[in-house]
N, C-alpha and C. Protein backbone atom coordinates (compact mmCIF):
# COMPACT_ATOMS: atom_id res chain seq x y z
N UNK A 1 74.03 -200.74 -207.77
CA UNK A 1 74.14 -199.87 -206.63
C UNK A 1 72.76 -199.45 -206.08
N UNK A 2 72.67 -199.66 -204.79
CA UNK A 2 71.34 -199.40 -204.11
C UNK A 2 70.93 -197.91 -204.34
N UNK A 3 69.51 -197.80 -204.21
CA UNK A 3 68.98 -196.51 -204.56
C UNK A 3 69.55 -195.41 -203.63
N UNK A 4 69.74 -195.74 -202.31
CA UNK A 4 70.21 -194.73 -201.43
C UNK A 4 71.54 -194.32 -201.78
N UNK A 5 72.45 -195.14 -202.21
CA UNK A 5 73.74 -194.74 -202.63
C UNK A 5 73.81 -193.80 -203.96
N UNK A 6 72.87 -194.20 -204.84
CA UNK A 6 72.65 -193.51 -206.06
C UNK A 6 72.37 -192.04 -205.81
N UNK A 7 71.42 -191.79 -204.85
CA UNK A 7 71.06 -190.49 -204.58
C UNK A 7 72.08 -189.63 -203.86
N UNK A 8 73.07 -190.34 -203.21
CA UNK A 8 74.04 -189.57 -202.36
C UNK A 8 75.34 -189.76 -202.95
N UNK A 9 75.62 -190.42 -204.11
CA UNK A 9 76.94 -190.51 -204.59
C UNK A 9 77.78 -191.52 -203.81
N UNK A 10 77.13 -192.39 -203.06
CA UNK A 10 77.85 -193.42 -202.29
C UNK A 10 78.12 -192.85 -200.85
N UNK A 11 77.80 -191.66 -200.54
CA UNK A 11 78.07 -191.17 -199.17
C UNK A 11 77.32 -192.10 -198.18
N UNK A 12 78.11 -192.48 -197.17
CA UNK A 12 77.55 -193.36 -196.09
C UNK A 12 77.10 -192.59 -194.92
N UNK A 13 76.76 -191.36 -195.03
CA UNK A 13 76.26 -190.49 -193.90
C UNK A 13 74.80 -190.34 -193.87
N UNK A 14 74.10 -190.80 -192.83
CA UNK A 14 72.73 -190.66 -192.72
C UNK A 14 72.28 -189.33 -192.30
N UNK A 15 73.02 -188.64 -191.52
CA UNK A 15 72.53 -187.28 -190.98
C UNK A 15 73.80 -186.41 -190.80
N UNK A 16 73.71 -185.23 -191.42
CA UNK A 16 74.87 -184.27 -191.25
C UNK A 16 74.20 -182.92 -190.87
N UNK A 17 74.67 -182.36 -189.72
CA UNK A 17 74.31 -181.00 -189.42
C UNK A 17 75.60 -180.17 -189.26
N UNK A 18 75.51 -178.98 -189.73
CA UNK A 18 76.60 -178.06 -189.74
C UNK A 18 76.14 -176.71 -189.29
N UNK A 19 76.52 -176.26 -188.03
CA UNK A 19 76.16 -174.92 -187.52
C UNK A 19 74.73 -174.72 -187.45
N UNK A 20 73.99 -175.66 -187.18
CA UNK A 20 72.43 -175.56 -187.04
C UNK A 20 72.10 -174.81 -185.76
N UNK A 21 71.23 -173.77 -185.97
CA UNK A 21 70.72 -172.96 -184.83
C UNK A 21 69.32 -172.73 -185.03
N UNK A 22 68.59 -172.62 -183.94
CA UNK A 22 67.12 -172.27 -184.02
C UNK A 22 66.81 -171.24 -182.93
N UNK A 23 65.92 -170.36 -183.24
CA UNK A 23 65.49 -169.27 -182.43
C UNK A 23 63.99 -169.01 -182.59
N UNK A 24 63.45 -168.55 -181.55
CA UNK A 24 61.98 -168.39 -181.57
C UNK A 24 61.63 -166.93 -181.19
N UNK A 25 60.57 -166.36 -181.78
CA UNK A 25 60.25 -164.95 -181.43
C UNK A 25 59.91 -164.81 -179.96
N UNK A 26 60.27 -163.67 -179.44
CA UNK A 26 60.04 -163.24 -178.03
C UNK A 26 59.05 -162.03 -178.11
N UNK A 27 58.09 -162.03 -177.24
CA UNK A 27 57.13 -160.88 -177.10
C UNK A 27 56.50 -160.64 -178.42
N UNK A 28 56.61 -159.49 -178.97
CA UNK A 28 55.92 -159.11 -180.15
C UNK A 28 56.61 -159.67 -181.41
N UNK A 29 57.81 -160.33 -181.24
CA UNK A 29 58.37 -160.94 -182.37
C UNK A 29 59.56 -160.16 -182.94
N UNK A 30 59.88 -158.93 -182.35
CA UNK A 30 61.00 -158.24 -182.73
C UNK A 30 62.28 -158.80 -182.45
N UNK A 31 62.28 -159.42 -181.24
CA UNK A 31 63.53 -160.11 -180.75
C UNK A 31 63.39 -161.58 -180.90
N UNK A 32 64.41 -162.28 -181.06
CA UNK A 32 64.39 -163.82 -181.16
C UNK A 32 65.25 -164.40 -180.05
N UNK A 33 64.83 -165.32 -179.41
CA UNK A 33 65.54 -166.03 -178.37
C UNK A 33 66.27 -167.30 -179.02
N UNK A 34 67.54 -167.52 -178.97
CA UNK A 34 68.16 -168.66 -179.49
C UNK A 34 67.84 -169.83 -178.52
N UNK A 35 67.27 -170.88 -179.06
CA UNK A 35 66.96 -171.99 -178.20
C UNK A 35 67.80 -173.27 -178.54
N UNK A 36 68.59 -173.23 -179.56
CA UNK A 36 69.37 -174.40 -180.02
C UNK A 36 70.57 -173.96 -180.86
N UNK A 37 71.67 -174.59 -180.47
CA UNK A 37 72.78 -174.45 -181.39
C UNK A 37 73.98 -173.60 -180.83
N UNK A 38 75.01 -173.52 -181.68
CA UNK A 38 75.07 -174.19 -182.98
C UNK A 38 75.46 -175.62 -182.74
N UNK A 39 74.92 -176.42 -183.61
CA UNK A 39 75.15 -177.93 -183.50
C UNK A 39 75.87 -178.43 -184.73
N UNK A 40 76.89 -179.12 -184.56
CA UNK A 40 77.55 -179.93 -185.66
C UNK A 40 77.51 -181.42 -185.29
N UNK A 41 76.98 -182.18 -186.20
CA UNK A 41 76.81 -183.63 -185.96
C UNK A 41 76.88 -184.42 -187.27
N UNK A 42 77.36 -185.57 -187.21
CA UNK A 42 77.47 -186.47 -188.24
C UNK A 42 77.21 -187.91 -187.80
N UNK A 43 76.20 -188.47 -188.48
CA UNK A 43 75.77 -189.92 -187.99
C UNK A 43 75.82 -190.76 -189.18
N UNK A 44 76.68 -191.79 -189.23
CA UNK A 44 77.00 -192.71 -190.35
C UNK A 44 75.70 -193.63 -190.54
N UNK A 45 75.35 -194.05 -191.62
CA UNK A 45 74.28 -194.98 -191.87
C UNK A 45 74.41 -196.21 -191.04
N UNK A 46 73.36 -196.78 -190.49
CA UNK A 46 73.37 -198.00 -189.71
C UNK A 46 73.72 -197.76 -188.22
N UNK A 47 73.82 -196.53 -187.83
CA UNK A 47 74.23 -196.28 -186.45
C UNK A 47 72.95 -195.63 -185.77
N UNK A 48 72.59 -196.13 -184.62
CA UNK A 48 71.50 -195.58 -183.81
C UNK A 48 72.15 -194.56 -182.83
N UNK A 49 71.37 -193.39 -182.65
CA UNK A 49 71.72 -192.50 -181.52
C UNK A 49 70.50 -192.24 -180.77
N UNK A 50 70.79 -191.64 -179.55
CA UNK A 50 69.86 -191.29 -178.57
C UNK A 50 69.94 -189.85 -178.16
N UNK A 51 68.88 -189.12 -178.06
CA UNK A 51 68.95 -187.74 -177.52
C UNK A 51 68.57 -187.76 -176.11
N UNK A 52 69.43 -187.36 -175.20
CA UNK A 52 68.98 -187.37 -173.80
C UNK A 52 69.33 -185.98 -173.28
N UNK A 53 68.38 -185.53 -172.48
CA UNK A 53 68.51 -184.21 -171.77
C UNK A 53 67.25 -183.86 -171.01
N UNK A 54 67.42 -182.82 -170.18
CA UNK A 54 66.27 -182.44 -169.44
C UNK A 54 65.28 -181.68 -170.28
N UNK A 55 64.02 -181.61 -169.81
CA UNK A 55 63.01 -180.81 -170.49
C UNK A 55 63.52 -179.51 -170.95
N UNK A 56 63.21 -179.02 -172.12
CA UNK A 56 63.65 -177.68 -172.65
C UNK A 56 65.02 -177.63 -173.16
N UNK A 57 65.68 -178.74 -173.25
CA UNK A 57 67.09 -178.67 -173.81
C UNK A 57 67.14 -178.70 -175.33
N UNK A 58 65.98 -179.00 -175.98
CA UNK A 58 66.03 -178.81 -177.51
C UNK A 58 66.02 -180.05 -178.22
N UNK A 59 65.70 -181.18 -177.56
CA UNK A 59 65.64 -182.55 -178.21
C UNK A 59 64.53 -182.57 -179.29
N UNK A 60 63.41 -182.13 -178.98
CA UNK A 60 62.15 -182.15 -179.90
C UNK A 60 62.42 -181.09 -181.02
N UNK A 61 62.94 -179.89 -180.63
CA UNK A 61 63.25 -178.94 -181.62
C UNK A 61 64.18 -179.47 -182.58
N UNK A 62 65.26 -180.09 -182.20
CA UNK A 62 66.26 -180.71 -183.15
C UNK A 62 65.61 -181.66 -184.05
N UNK A 63 64.76 -182.62 -183.55
CA UNK A 63 64.18 -183.62 -184.30
C UNK A 63 63.12 -183.02 -185.35
N UNK A 64 62.50 -181.91 -184.96
CA UNK A 64 61.59 -181.17 -185.88
C UNK A 64 62.33 -180.59 -187.00
N UNK A 65 63.46 -180.15 -186.74
CA UNK A 65 64.42 -179.56 -187.87
C UNK A 65 64.98 -180.74 -188.80
N UNK A 66 65.24 -181.83 -188.18
CA UNK A 66 65.84 -182.90 -189.05
C UNK A 66 64.72 -183.46 -189.83
N UNK A 67 63.42 -183.41 -189.30
CA UNK A 67 62.34 -184.01 -190.10
C UNK A 67 61.76 -183.05 -191.16
N UNK A 68 62.16 -181.77 -191.05
CA UNK A 68 61.72 -180.75 -192.02
C UNK A 68 60.37 -180.11 -191.59
N UNK A 69 59.96 -180.53 -190.39
CA UNK A 69 58.71 -179.77 -189.81
C UNK A 69 59.01 -178.39 -189.62
N UNK A 70 60.15 -178.01 -189.24
CA UNK A 70 60.64 -176.59 -188.99
C UNK A 70 61.87 -176.30 -189.82
N UNK A 71 62.20 -175.10 -190.07
CA UNK A 71 63.49 -174.68 -190.82
C UNK A 71 64.45 -173.94 -189.77
N UNK A 72 65.56 -174.21 -189.81
CA UNK A 72 66.55 -173.62 -188.84
C UNK A 72 66.85 -172.18 -189.28
N UNK A 73 67.26 -171.30 -188.26
CA UNK A 73 67.47 -169.95 -188.61
C UNK A 73 68.89 -169.81 -189.18
N UNK A 74 69.80 -170.74 -188.93
CA UNK A 74 71.11 -170.86 -189.50
C UNK A 74 71.62 -172.30 -189.68
N UNK A 75 72.49 -172.52 -190.44
CA UNK A 75 73.22 -173.89 -190.68
C UNK A 75 72.62 -174.61 -191.77
N UNK A 76 73.12 -175.84 -191.81
CA UNK A 76 72.70 -176.78 -192.96
C UNK A 76 72.46 -178.09 -192.37
N UNK A 77 71.28 -178.72 -192.94
CA UNK A 77 70.97 -180.05 -192.56
C UNK A 77 70.81 -180.93 -193.75
N UNK A 78 71.47 -182.18 -193.65
CA UNK A 78 71.36 -183.01 -194.68
C UNK A 78 70.91 -184.44 -194.21
N UNK A 79 69.82 -184.96 -194.66
CA UNK A 79 69.32 -186.19 -194.30
C UNK A 79 69.27 -187.23 -195.45
N UNK A 80 69.95 -188.41 -195.36
CA UNK A 80 70.12 -189.34 -196.39
C UNK A 80 70.49 -188.63 -197.67
N UNK A 81 71.34 -187.77 -197.66
CA UNK A 81 71.97 -187.14 -198.88
C UNK A 81 71.18 -185.96 -199.52
N UNK A 82 70.03 -185.51 -198.75
CA UNK A 82 69.30 -184.45 -199.31
C UNK A 82 68.69 -183.54 -198.20
N UNK A 83 68.07 -182.50 -198.58
CA UNK A 83 67.47 -181.73 -197.65
C UNK A 83 66.19 -182.32 -196.94
N UNK A 84 66.06 -181.98 -195.70
CA UNK A 84 64.82 -182.64 -195.06
C UNK A 84 63.49 -182.55 -195.72
N UNK A 85 63.31 -181.48 -196.40
CA UNK A 85 62.05 -181.40 -197.19
C UNK A 85 61.96 -181.87 -198.65
N UNK A 86 63.16 -182.52 -199.07
CA UNK A 86 63.30 -183.04 -200.38
C UNK A 86 62.34 -184.22 -200.50
N UNK A 87 61.62 -184.35 -201.60
CA UNK A 87 60.62 -185.40 -201.73
C UNK A 87 61.25 -186.85 -201.59
N UNK A 88 62.43 -186.92 -202.05
CA UNK A 88 63.01 -188.33 -201.92
C UNK A 88 63.33 -188.66 -200.50
N UNK A 89 63.72 -187.57 -199.69
CA UNK A 89 63.99 -187.84 -198.24
C UNK A 89 62.62 -187.95 -197.46
N UNK A 90 61.69 -187.10 -197.76
CA UNK A 90 60.41 -187.37 -197.04
C UNK A 90 59.80 -188.73 -197.25
N UNK A 91 59.94 -189.21 -198.47
CA UNK A 91 59.38 -190.57 -198.82
C UNK A 91 59.99 -191.74 -197.93
N UNK A 92 61.21 -191.39 -197.49
CA UNK A 92 61.94 -192.41 -196.61
C UNK A 92 62.04 -192.13 -195.17
N UNK A 93 61.48 -191.03 -194.66
CA UNK A 93 61.60 -190.65 -193.29
C UNK A 93 60.16 -190.26 -192.80
N UNK A 94 60.10 -190.02 -191.52
CA UNK A 94 58.72 -189.69 -190.92
C UNK A 94 58.88 -188.95 -189.59
N UNK A 95 57.87 -188.25 -189.13
CA UNK A 95 57.97 -187.53 -187.92
C UNK A 95 56.54 -187.82 -187.20
N UNK A 96 56.59 -188.15 -185.95
CA UNK A 96 55.25 -188.14 -185.20
C UNK A 96 55.58 -187.56 -183.80
N UNK A 97 54.89 -186.49 -183.53
CA UNK A 97 55.08 -185.78 -182.25
C UNK A 97 54.44 -186.56 -181.25
N UNK A 98 54.84 -186.10 -179.98
CA UNK A 98 54.21 -186.91 -178.80
C UNK A 98 52.80 -186.60 -178.62
N UNK A 99 52.45 -185.35 -178.93
CA UNK A 99 51.03 -185.06 -178.85
C UNK A 99 50.29 -185.06 -180.27
N UNK A 100 49.18 -185.71 -180.24
CA UNK A 100 48.47 -185.88 -181.50
C UNK A 100 47.60 -184.77 -181.70
N UNK A 101 47.62 -184.27 -182.96
CA UNK A 101 46.75 -183.02 -183.26
C UNK A 101 45.25 -183.39 -183.49
N UNK A 102 44.91 -184.74 -183.38
CA UNK A 102 43.60 -185.12 -183.60
C UNK A 102 42.89 -185.42 -182.35
N UNK A 103 41.55 -185.21 -182.38
CA UNK A 103 40.69 -185.53 -181.18
C UNK A 103 40.86 -186.97 -180.78
N UNK A 104 40.78 -187.16 -179.41
CA UNK A 104 40.87 -188.62 -178.92
C UNK A 104 39.71 -189.57 -179.45
N UNK A 105 38.58 -189.07 -179.78
CA UNK A 105 37.55 -189.96 -180.15
C UNK A 105 37.68 -190.24 -181.71
N UNK A 106 38.59 -189.69 -182.37
CA UNK A 106 38.85 -190.04 -183.83
C UNK A 106 39.59 -191.26 -183.97
N UNK A 107 39.09 -192.26 -184.79
CA UNK A 107 39.74 -193.50 -184.97
C UNK A 107 40.75 -193.44 -186.12
N UNK A 108 41.61 -194.39 -186.12
CA UNK A 108 42.75 -194.44 -187.17
C UNK A 108 42.28 -194.24 -188.54
N UNK A 109 41.42 -195.13 -189.03
CA UNK A 109 40.85 -195.11 -190.45
C UNK A 109 40.46 -193.64 -190.77
N UNK A 110 39.78 -192.96 -189.90
CA UNK A 110 39.26 -191.67 -190.18
C UNK A 110 40.39 -190.68 -190.36
N UNK A 111 41.49 -190.83 -189.66
CA UNK A 111 42.62 -189.98 -189.72
C UNK A 111 43.32 -190.25 -191.19
N UNK A 112 43.26 -191.42 -191.65
CA UNK A 112 44.00 -191.81 -192.85
C UNK A 112 43.15 -191.39 -194.12
N UNK A 113 41.95 -191.09 -193.91
CA UNK A 113 41.17 -190.77 -195.11
C UNK A 113 41.39 -189.42 -195.67
């Protein structure tokens, strides 16, 4: 049995979201503004999907949640049979934002050190 199926009990779902919501603080942080959700989604392994929508529609926010960069305020996310921040999932996935946090003059080898 392949390693991926061992970890998931043979489940052929790559991504599962149930009731996922995200909200960000407004003003002094006492109130929160919901920016995403609730989202229910199931993607089988081997299937490619695309996220299409206008700026501010939540595409990057959703990807950050799936990658474990951020944590949703509600709901459940399962990636390859585990939580996005699970070490086994992190070893098989990745996230790279559009904007680099590194200065433009920094070269690749220096970033990897």
